[in-house]
Amino acid sequence: MRHAFIPLLVWLTLAPWAQAQIDDMQPIRGFAIDRKEVSIAQFARFAQATGTVTAAEKAGGGSTYEGGWVQRKGWTWRTPFGLQASDNEPAVHITFAEARAYCQWAGQRLPTDAEWMEAAYTERRAQPPASFSTGQTYPYPTGSTPQGANCLGDCGAAPTPAAYANPAITTRGRGHAPTGSTKAGVNGLFEMGANAWEWTDGGTDSARPTRGGSWWYGAAQMHRDHVQTKPADTAVVYIGFRCAKSLLAADK
C-alpha cells in the first residue's frame, strides 16, 4: 500500500508588538536598525517574558555623574530618575550584556560600531527629504547642524518640552525626551544624537563603545568623530540602546 505524503503547513503569527517592532526598522545596506531607541515599555515586555532583573535593580539603583559616579537608590530602567517615567522614554540603566540579551530576545542584535556610525551619519535612503542627500556623510545625526536634538546646549529650543515626564528633577538639562519625539535625522532615525548614549557591539568588556551623546551634553558629543567607551557592566542614567538585524539579499 502506498501512502500519500501531505505536507503540514504551520503558520506562525507574531504578536502585534513584535511585528510593529520589526516594521519600525530602517534598512541601510545589508542591515536594518531601529528607528527609535528601545523604550521602557519594550524593555518591560522583555523583563516580564524572561524574568530579567537588571544589575541596577539588584544593586538598588544605577548611577549618575556628579564629579564622579554616584549610585542613586531606586534609579533603574523602570524609574530612570527615581520617579515614575513614561513608557515611551528610552530604557536606560542597562548594561551592555542586558542590551545584547534584549536584542537577541527580540530576534535581533546590537548594531556593530561601524553599522551604528553608517546609520547615524551617512544617508542611504534612495529618496530622502530635501534636507538630506543620498550618499552624503553628515557631521551630526541630525544632519549638517545639531539643531533639533535633545541636548543641553547647541541643539536649539527643546523640541517637545511639554512631553518630558519629569522636567524639574534635574539641575542641568531636561532629561530624556520620549523616543521618536525629536527631529528625524539621517536615514529617518530618531535620537541617534543626544537623548541617551547608545551601546554598540564593539571593543571588549573593559571598553565598549557608546555613541551619540546624551541630553546632558552638547553638540561635540554628537559629532561623528566623537566616541566614548565604558566598561560593559556600566548601568547609568545616560546610556540606552537600539537593535539591528542583518538583511538577506532579498530584503535589501
C-alpha atoms as a PDB file:
ATOM      1  CA  MET A   1       0.000   0.000   0.000  1.00  0.00           C
ATOM      2  CA  ARG A   2       1.286   3.410  -0.899  1.00  0.00           C
ATOM      3  CA  HIS A   3       0.809   6.297   1.436  1.00  0.00           C
ATOM      4  CA  ALA A   4       0.452   9.825   0.204  1.00  0.00           C
ATOM      5  CA  PHE A   5       2.658  12.408   1.851  1.00  0.00           C
ATOM      6  CA  ILE A   6       0.735  15.513   2.777  1.00  0.00           C
ATOM      7  CA  PRO A   7       2.974  18.353   3.978  1.00  0.00           C
ATOM      8  CA  LEU A   8       1.914  20.081   7.137  1.00  0.00           C
ATOM      9  CA  LEU A   9       1.913  23.842   6.870  1.00  0.00           C
ATOM     10  CA  VAL A  10       2.394  25.745  10.074  1.00  0.00           C
ATOM     11  CA  TRP A  11       1.628  29.446  10.161  1.00  0.00           C
ATOM     12  CA  LEU A  12       3.429  31.487  12.740  1.00  0.00           C
ATOM     13  CA  THR A  13       1.841  34.762  13.722  1.00  0.00           C
ATOM     14  CA  LEU A  14       3.898  37.338  15.543  1.00  0.00           C
ATOM     15  CA  ALA A  15       2.413  39.242  18.422  1.00  0.00           C
ATOM     16  CA  PRO A  16       1.306  42.714  17.270  1.00  0.00           C
ATOM     17  CA  TRP A  17       4.015  44.424  19.333  1.00  0.00           C
ATOM     18  CA  ALA A  18       6.708  42.161  17.836  1.00  0.00           C
ATOM     19  CA  GLN A  19       5.588  42.823  14.278  1.00  0.00           C
ATOM     20  CA  ALA A  20       5.412  46.547  14.973  1.00  0.00           C
ATOM     21  CA  GLN A  21       8.971  46.471  16.270  1.00  0.00           C
ATOM     22  CA  ILE A  22      10.206  44.721  13.116  1.00  0.00           C
ATOM     23  CA  ASP A  23       8.282  47.144  10.913  1.00  0.00           C
ATOM     24  CA  ASP A  24       9.838  50.101  12.740  1.00  0.00           C
ATOM     25  CA  MET A  25      13.327  49.403  11.419  1.00  0.00           C
ATOM     26  CA  GLN A  26      15.166  51.306   8.703  1.00  0.00           C
ATOM     27  CA  PRO A  27      17.060  49.302   6.049  1.00  0.00           C
ATOM     28  CA  ILE A  28      20.559  50.639   5.443  1.00  0.00           C
ATOM     29  CA  ARG A  29      22.996  48.457   3.459  1.00  0.00           C
ATOM     30  CA  GLY A  30      22.989  44.808   4.445  1.00  0.00           C
ATOM     31  CA  PHE A  31      21.342  45.548   7.776  1.00  0.00           C
ATOM     32  CA  ALA A  32      18.408  47.357   9.324  1.00  0.00           C
ATOM     33  CA  ILE A  33      18.351  49.369  12.521  1.00  0.00           C
ATOM     34  CA  ASP A  34      15.626  50.513  14.910  1.00  0.00           C
ATOM     35  CA  ARG A  35      14.298  53.936  14.048  1.00  0.00           C
ATOM     36  CA  LYS A  36      13.934  54.685  17.758  1.00  0.00           C
ATOM     37  CA  GLU A  37      15.747  53.855  20.962  1.00  0.00           C
ATOM     38  CA  VAL A  38      14.378  50.882  22.886  1.00  0.00           C
ATOM     39  CA  SER A  39      11.707  52.222  25.210  1.00  0.00           C
ATOM     40  CA  ILE A  40      10.744  51.420  28.772  1.00  0.00           C
ATOM     41  CA  ALA A  41       7.588  49.693  27.518  1.00  0.00           C
ATOM     42  CA  GLN A  42       9.585  47.481  25.164  1.00  0.00           C
ATOM     43  CA  PHE A  43      12.111  46.547  27.836  1.00  0.00           C
ATOM     44  CA  ALA A  44       9.260  45.800  30.249  1.00  0.00           C
ATOM     45  CA  ARG A  45       7.910  43.120  27.884  1.00  0.00           C
ATOM     46  CA  PHE A  46      11.361  41.554  27.753  1.00  0.00           C
ATOM     47  CA  ALA A  47      11.779  41.644  31.531  1.00  0.00           C
ATOM     48  CA  GLN A  48       8.362  40.101  32.086  1.00  0.00           C
ATOM     49  CA  ALA A  49       8.869  37.375  29.480  1.00  0.00           C
ATOM     50  CA  THR A  50      12.351  36.390  30.645  1.00  0.00           C
ATOM     51  CA  GLY A  51      12.265  37.186  34.343  1.00  0.00           C
ATOM     52  CA  THR A  52      15.200  39.530  33.873  1.00  0.00           C
ATOM     53  CA  VAL A  53      16.268  41.555  36.886  1.00  0.00           C
ATOM     54  CA  THR A  54      18.894  44.050  35.812  1.00  0.00           C
ATOM     55  CA  ALA A  55      22.179  44.698  37.553  1.00  0.00           C
ATOM     56  CA  ALA A  56      20.976  48.164  38.567  1.00  0.00           C
ATOM     57  CA  GLU A  57      17.875  46.667  40.171  1.00  0.00           C
ATOM     58  CA  LYS A  58      19.929  44.078  42.042  1.00  0.00           C
ATOM     59  CA  ALA A  59      22.305  46.767  43.275  1.00  0.00           C
ATOM     60  CA  GLY A  60      19.460  49.000  44.444  1.00  0.00           C
ATOM     61  CA  GLY A  61      19.940  51.602  41.725  1.00  0.00           C
ATOM     62  CA  GLY A  62      22.032  52.783  38.809  1.00  0.00           C
ATOM     63  CA  SER A  63      24.382  55.735  38.713  1.00  0.00           C
ATOM     64  CA  THR A  64      24.689  59.342  37.622  1.00  0.00           C
ATOM     65  CA  TYR A  65      27.774  61.516  37.250  1.00  0.00           C
ATOM     66  CA  GLU A  66      28.381  64.275  39.798  1.00  0.00           C
ATOM     67  CA  GLY A  67      32.099  64.915  39.573  1.00  0.00           C
ATOM     68  CA  GLY A  68      32.388  61.135  39.863  1.00  0.00           C
ATOM     69  CA  TRP A  69      29.966  58.248  39.556  1.00  0.00           C
ATOM     70  CA  VAL A  70      27.311  58.303  42.279  1.00  0.00           C
ATOM     71  CA  GLN A  71      24.839  55.488  42.814  1.00  0.00           C
ATOM     72  CA  ARG A  72      21.244  56.617  43.141  1.00  0.00           C
ATOM     73  CA  LYS A  73      18.820  54.493  45.122  1.00  0.00           C
ATOM     74  CA  GLY A  74      15.793  53.467  43.080  1.00  0.00           C
ATOM     75  CA  TRP A  75      17.146  54.718  39.747  1.00  0.00           C
ATOM     76  CA  THR A  76      16.511  51.845  37.324  1.00  0.00           C
ATOM     77  CA  TRP A  77      15.132  51.369  33.824  1.00  0.00           C
ATOM     78  CA  ARG A  78      11.636  51.474  35.341  1.00  0.00           C
ATOM     79  CA  THR A  79      12.285  54.746  37.184  1.00  0.00           C
ATOM     80  CA  PRO A  80      15.302  56.382  35.499  1.00  0.00           C
ATOM     81  CA  PHE A  81      15.468  59.314  37.917  1.00  0.00           C
ATOM     82  CA  GLY A  82      13.869  57.557  40.867  1.00  0.00           C
ATOM     83  CA  LEU A  83      10.415  58.711  39.800  1.00  0.00           C
ATOM     84  CA  GLN A  84       7.740  57.144  37.635  1.00  0.00           C
ATOM     85  CA  ALA A  85       8.628  57.550  33.969  1.00  0.00           C
ATOM     86  CA  SER A  86       6.620  57.458  30.760  1.00  0.00           C
ATOM     87  CA  ASP A  87       6.516  54.155  28.889  1.00  0.00           C
ATOM     88  CA  ASN A  88       7.905  55.835  25.771  1.00  0.00           C
ATOM     89  CA  GLU A  89      11.054  57.163  27.412  1.00  0.00           C
ATOM     90  CA  PRO A  90      14.283  55.351  26.488  1.00  0.00           C
ATOM     91  CA  ALA A  91      15.281  52.395  28.655  1.00  0.00           C
ATOM     92  CA  VAL A  92      18.487  53.344  30.499  1.00  0.00           C
ATOM     93  CA  HIS A  93      20.478  51.935  33.437  1.00  0.00           C
ATOM     94  CA  ILE A  94      21.042  48.958  31.121  1.00  0.00           C
ATOM     95  CA  THR A  95      24.395  47.164  30.909  1.00  0.00           C
ATOM     96  CA  PHE A  96      25.938  46.078  27.624  1.00  0.00           C
ATOM     97  CA  ALA A  97      25.054  42.424  28.283  1.00  0.00           C
ATOM     98  CA  GLU A  98      21.462  43.322  29.147  1.00  0.00           C
ATOM     99  CA  ALA A  99      21.112  45.352  25.951  1.00  0.00           C
ATOM    100  CA  ARG A 100      22.532  42.464  23.932  1.00  0.00           C
ATOM    101  CA  ALA A 101      20.186  39.996  25.647  1.00  0.00           C
ATOM    102  CA  TYR A 102      17.161  42.159  24.865  1.00  0.00           C
ATOM    103  CA  CYS A 103      18.077  42.382  21.184  1.00  0.00           C
ATOM    104  CA  GLN A 104      18.620  38.622  20.961  1.00  0.00           C
ATOM    105  CA  TRP A 105      15.263  38.003  22.630  1.00  0.00           C
ATOM    106  CA  ALA A 106      13.654  40.291  20.043  1.00  0.00           C
ATOM    107  CA  GLY A 107      15.242  38.273  17.212  1.00  0.00           C
ATOM    108  CA  GLN A 108      17.786  40.987  16.527  1.00  0.00           C
ATOM    109  CA  ARG A 109      21.213  42.048  17.790  1.00  0.00           C
ATOM    110  CA  LEU A 110      23.122  45.105  18.863  1.00  0.00           C
ATOM    111  CA  PRO A 111      24.471  47.095  15.906  1.00  0.00           C
ATOM    112  CA  THR A 112      28.192  46.913  15.362  1.00  0.00           C
ATOM    113  CA  ASP A 113      30.031  50.154  15.888  1.00  0.00           C
ATOM    114  CA  ALA A 114      30.541  50.505  12.118  1.00  0.00           C
ATOM    115  CA  GLU A 115      26.850  49.877  11.429  1.00  0.00           C
ATOM    116  CA  TRP A 116      25.773  52.416  14.015  1.00  0.00           C
ATOM    117  CA  MET A 117      28.125  55.007  12.519  1.00  0.00           C
ATOM    118  CA  GLU A 118      26.887  54.433   8.977  1.00  0.00           C
ATOM    119  CA  ALA A 119      23.246  54.586  10.022  1.00  0.00           C
ATOM    120  CA  ALA A 120      23.774  57.733  12.092  1.00  0.00           C
ATOM    121  CA  TYR A 121      25.823  59.826   9.682  1.00  0.00           C
ATOM    122  CA  THR A 122      25.607  58.587   6.065  1.00  0.00           C
ATOM    123  CA  GLU A 123      22.315  58.988   4.220  1.00  0.00           C
ATOM    124  CA  ARG A 124      21.370  55.738   2.455  1.00  0.00           C
ATOM    125  CA  ARG A 125      17.750  56.338   1.512  1.00  0.00           C
ATOM    126  CA  ALA A 126      17.194  56.452  -2.243  1.00  0.00           C
ATOM    127  CA  GLN A 127      14.751  59.345  -1.944  1.00  0.00           C
ATOM    128  CA  PRO A 128      15.412  61.238   1.285  1.00  0.00           C
ATOM    129  CA  PRO A 129      13.713  64.523   2.184  1.00  0.00           C
ATOM    130  CA  ALA A 130      15.130  67.676   0.636  1.00  0.00           C
ATOM    131  CA  SER A 131      17.305  68.376   3.688  1.00  0.00           C
ATOM    132  CA  PHE A 132      19.353  65.213   3.070  1.00  0.00           C
ATOM    133  CA  SER A 133      21.252  63.853   0.043  1.00  0.00           C
ATOM    134  CA  THR A 134      21.780  60.185  -0.778  1.00  0.00           C
ATOM    135  CA  GLY A 135      25.350  59.093  -0.102  1.00  0.00           C
ATOM    136  CA  GLN A 136      26.342  62.186   1.858  1.00  0.00           C
ATOM    137  CA  THR A 137      28.002  61.833   5.252  1.00  0.00           C
ATOM    138  CA  TYR A 138      26.952  64.454   7.805  1.00  0.00           C
ATOM    139  CA  PRO A 139      28.719  65.703  10.935  1.00  0.00           C
ATOM    140  CA  TYR A 140      25.694  65.106  13.157  1.00  0.00           C
ATOM    141  CA  PRO A 141      22.901  62.514  13.245  1.00  0.00           C
ATOM    142  CA  THR A 142      20.500  65.410  12.678  1.00  0.00           C
ATOM    143  CA  GLY A 143      22.392  66.448   9.529  1.00  0.00           C
ATOM    144  CA  SER A 144      24.560  69.484   8.917  1.00  0.00           C
ATOM    145  CA  THR A 145      23.805  71.012  12.329  1.00  0.00           C
ATOM    146  CA  PRO A 146      22.846  69.614  15.743  1.00  0.00           C
ATOM    147  CA  GLN A 147      19.591  71.563  15.712  1.00  0.00           C
ATOM    148  CA  GLY A 148      16.548  69.539  16.740  1.00  0.00           C
ATOM    149  CA  ALA A 149      18.236  67.030  19.037  1.00  0.00           C
ATOM    150  CA  ASN A 150      17.543  66.779  22.761  1.00  0.00           C
ATOM    151  CA  CYS A 151      20.805  68.046  24.238  1.00  0.00           C
ATOM    152  CA  LEU A 152      21.865  70.555  26.857  1.00  0.00           C
ATOM    153  CA  GLY A 153      23.401  73.097  24.503  1.00  0.00           C
ATOM    154  CA  ASP A 154      23.814  73.896  20.804  1.00  0.00           C
ATOM    155  CA  CYS A 155      20.678  71.999  19.790  1.00  0.00           C
ATOM    156  CA  GLY A 156      18.177  74.854  19.743  1.00  0.00           C
ATOM    157  CA  ALA A 157      14.946  75.003  21.677  1.00  0.00           C
ATOM    158  CA  ALA A 158      13.691  71.820  23.303  1.00  0.00           C
ATOM    159  CA  PRO A 159      11.539  70.194  20.619  1.00  0.00           C
ATOM    160  CA  THR A 160       8.674  68.991  22.800  1.00  0.00           C
ATOM    161  CA  PRO A 161       9.064  70.479  26.293  1.00  0.00           C
ATOM    162  CA  ALA A 162       5.564  69.509  27.394  1.00  0.00           C
ATOM    163  CA  ALA A 163       6.306  65.852  26.662  1.00  0.00           C
ATOM    164  CA  TYR A 164       9.073  65.482  29.221  1.00  0.00           C
ATOM    165  CA  ALA A 165       7.852  63.378  32.097  1.00  0.00           C
ATOM    166  CA  ASN A 166       9.983  64.953  34.814  1.00  0.00           C
ATOM    167  CA  PRO A 167      11.200  68.398  33.689  1.00  0.00           C
ATOM    168  CA  ALA A 168      12.079  69.580  37.188  1.00  0.00           C
ATOM    169  CA  ILE A 169      14.130  66.684  38.534  1.00  0.00           C
ATOM    170  CA  THR A 170      17.494  67.600  37.066  1.00  0.00           C
ATOM    171  CA  THR A 171      19.591  70.664  37.665  1.00  0.00           C
ATOM    172  CA  ARG A 172      21.028  70.612  34.184  1.00  0.00           C
ATOM    173  CA  GLY A 173      19.001  69.908  31.078  1.00  0.00           C
ATOM    174  CA  ARG A 174      15.541  68.415  30.903  1.00  0.00           C
ATOM    175  CA  GLY A 175      16.291  64.710  30.911  1.00  0.00           C
ATOM    176  CA  HIS A 176      15.109  62.174  28.377  1.00  0.00           C
ATOM    177  CA  ALA A 177      12.723  63.005  25.566  1.00  0.00           C
ATOM    178  CA  PRO A 178      10.223  60.327  24.553  1.00  0.00           C
ATOM    179  CA  THR A 179      11.553  58.092  21.810  1.00  0.00           C
ATOM    180  CA  GLY A 180      10.665  59.364  18.359  1.00  0.00           C
ATOM    181  CA  SER A 181       9.716  62.854  19.569  1.00  0.00           C
ATOM    182  CA  THR A 182      12.681  64.852  18.282  1.00  0.00           C
ATOM    183  CA  LYS A 183      13.767  65.738  14.757  1.00  0.00           C
ATOM    184  CA  ALA A 184      14.070  62.799  12.359  1.00  0.00           C
ATOM    185  CA  GLY A 185      17.673  62.768  11.220  1.00  0.00           C
ATOM    186  CA  VAL A 186      19.898  60.921   8.774  1.00  0.00           C
ATOM    187  CA  ASN A 187      18.107  57.839   7.375  1.00  0.00           C
ATOM    188  CA  GLY A 188      14.929  58.938   9.150  1.00  0.00           C
ATOM    189  CA  LEU A 189      16.265  57.823  12.532  1.00  0.00           C
ATOM    190  CA  PHE A 190      15.323  59.449  15.830  1.00  0.00           C
ATOM    191  CA  GLU A 191      17.588  60.329  18.766  1.00  0.00           C
ATOM    192  CA  MET A 192      20.779  58.929  17.253  1.00  0.00           C
ATOM    193  CA  GLY A 193      22.260  62.163  18.546  1.00  0.00           C
ATOM    194  CA  ALA A 194      21.754  63.183  22.193  1.00  0.00           C
ATOM    195  CA  ASN A 195      18.918  61.957  24.429  1.00  0.00           C
ATOM    196  CA  ALA A 196      20.861  58.837  25.516  1.00  0.00           C
ATOM    197  CA  TRP A 197      24.234  57.388  24.622  1.00  0.00           C
ATOM    198  CA  GLU A 198      23.814  54.038  22.879  1.00  0.00           C
ATOM    199  CA  TRP A 199      25.758  50.824  23.281  1.00  0.00           C
ATOM    200  CA  THR A 200      27.329  49.400  20.120  1.00  0.00           C
ATOM    201  CA  ASP A 201      28.789  45.935  19.671  1.00  0.00           C
ATOM    202  CA  GLY A 202      32.478  46.681  19.530  1.00  0.00           C
ATOM    203  CA  GLY A 203      35.552  46.772  21.709  1.00  0.00           C
ATOM    204  CA  THR A 204      35.968  44.492  24.705  1.00  0.00           C
ATOM    205  CA  ASP A 205      34.182  44.234  28.026  1.00  0.00           C
ATOM    206  CA  SER A 206      36.639  46.666  29.546  1.00  0.00           C
ATOM    207  CA  ALA A 207      35.805  49.328  26.938  1.00  0.00           C
ATOM    208  CA  ARG A 208      32.543  49.024  24.981  1.00  0.00           C
ATOM    209  CA  PRO A 209      31.765  51.954  22.647  1.00  0.00           C
ATOM    210  CA  THR A 210      28.874  54.289  23.360  1.00  0.00           C
ATOM    211  CA  ARG A 211      27.799  56.676  20.625  1.00  0.00           C
ATOM    212  CA  GLY A 212      25.709  59.764  20.041  1.00  0.00           C
ATOM    213  CA  GLY A 213      25.901  61.726  23.269  1.00  0.00           C
ATOM    214  CA  SER A 214      23.036  62.304  25.674  1.00  0.00           C
ATOM    215  CA  TRP A 215      20.701  65.049  26.872  1.00  0.00           C
ATOM    216  CA  TRP A 216      23.390  66.062  29.381  1.00  0.00           C
ATOM    217  CA  TYR A 217      25.875  67.101  26.702  1.00  0.00           C
ATOM    218  CA  GLY A 218      26.074  69.379  23.669  1.00  0.00           C
ATOM    219  CA  ALA A 219      26.948  69.144  20.000  1.00  0.00           C
ATOM    220  CA  ALA A 220      30.549  67.974  20.447  1.00  0.00           C
ATOM    221  CA  GLN A 221      29.460  64.589  21.793  1.00  0.00           C
ATOM    222  CA  MET A 222      27.014  64.126  18.896  1.00  0.00           C
ATOM    223  CA  HIS A 223      29.713  64.654  16.259  1.00  0.00           C
ATOM    224  CA  ARG A 224      30.738  61.691  14.113  1.00  0.00           C
ATOM    225  CA  ASP A 225      34.340  61.971  15.348  1.00  0.00           C
ATOM    226  CA  HIS A 226      33.373  61.558  18.998  1.00  0.00           C
ATOM    227  CA  VAL A 227      33.206  58.246  20.855  1.00  0.00           C
ATOM    228  CA  GLN A 228      33.319  57.243  24.475  1.00  0.00           C
ATOM    229  CA  THR A 229      33.814  53.809  25.961  1.00  0.00           C
ATOM    230  CA  LYS A 230      32.526  52.327  29.175  1.00  0.00           C
ATOM    231  CA  PRO A 231      33.044  49.016  30.979  1.00  0.00           C
ATOM    232  CA  ALA A 232      30.372  46.568  29.854  1.00  0.00           C
ATOM    233  CA  ASP A 233      28.843  46.384  33.333  1.00  0.00           C
ATOM    234  CA  THR A 234      28.111  50.136  33.421  1.00  0.00           C
ATOM    235  CA  ALA A 235      24.469  50.923  34.247  1.00  0.00           C
ATOM    236  CA  VAL A 236      23.842  54.665  34.247  1.00  0.00           C
ATOM    237  CA  VAL A 237      21.079  57.143  33.518  1.00  0.00           C
ATOM    238  CA  TYR A 238      22.772  58.366  30.335  1.00  0.00           C
ATOM    239  CA  ILE A 239      23.118  55.102  28.347  1.00  0.00           C
ATOM    240  CA  GLY A 240      20.420  53.282  26.374  1.00  0.00           C
ATOM    241  CA  PHE A 241      20.456  51.304  23.140  1.00  0.00           C
ATOM    242  CA  ARG A 242      18.690  50.228  19.971  1.00  0.00           C
ATOM    243  CA  CYS A 243      18.797  46.992  17.971  1.00  0.00           C
ATOM    244  CA  ALA A 244      19.750  45.968  14.445  1.00  0.00           C
ATOM    245  CA  LYS A 245      19.425  42.900  12.253  1.00  0.00           C
ATOM    246  CA  SER A 246      21.203  41.530   9.214  1.00  0.00           C
ATOM    247  CA  LEU A 247      19.261  41.559   5.952  1.00  0.00           C
ATOM    248  CA  LEU A 248      19.124  38.770   3.417  1.00  0.00           C
ATOM    249  CA  ALA A 249      19.796  39.719  -0.196  1.00  0.00           C
ATOM    250  CA  ALA A 250      16.067  39.640  -0.948  1.00  0.00           C
ATOM    251  CA  ASP A 251      15.386  42.071   1.901  1.00  0.00           C
ATOM    252  CA  LYS A 252      17.925  44.704   0.905  1.00  0.00           C
END
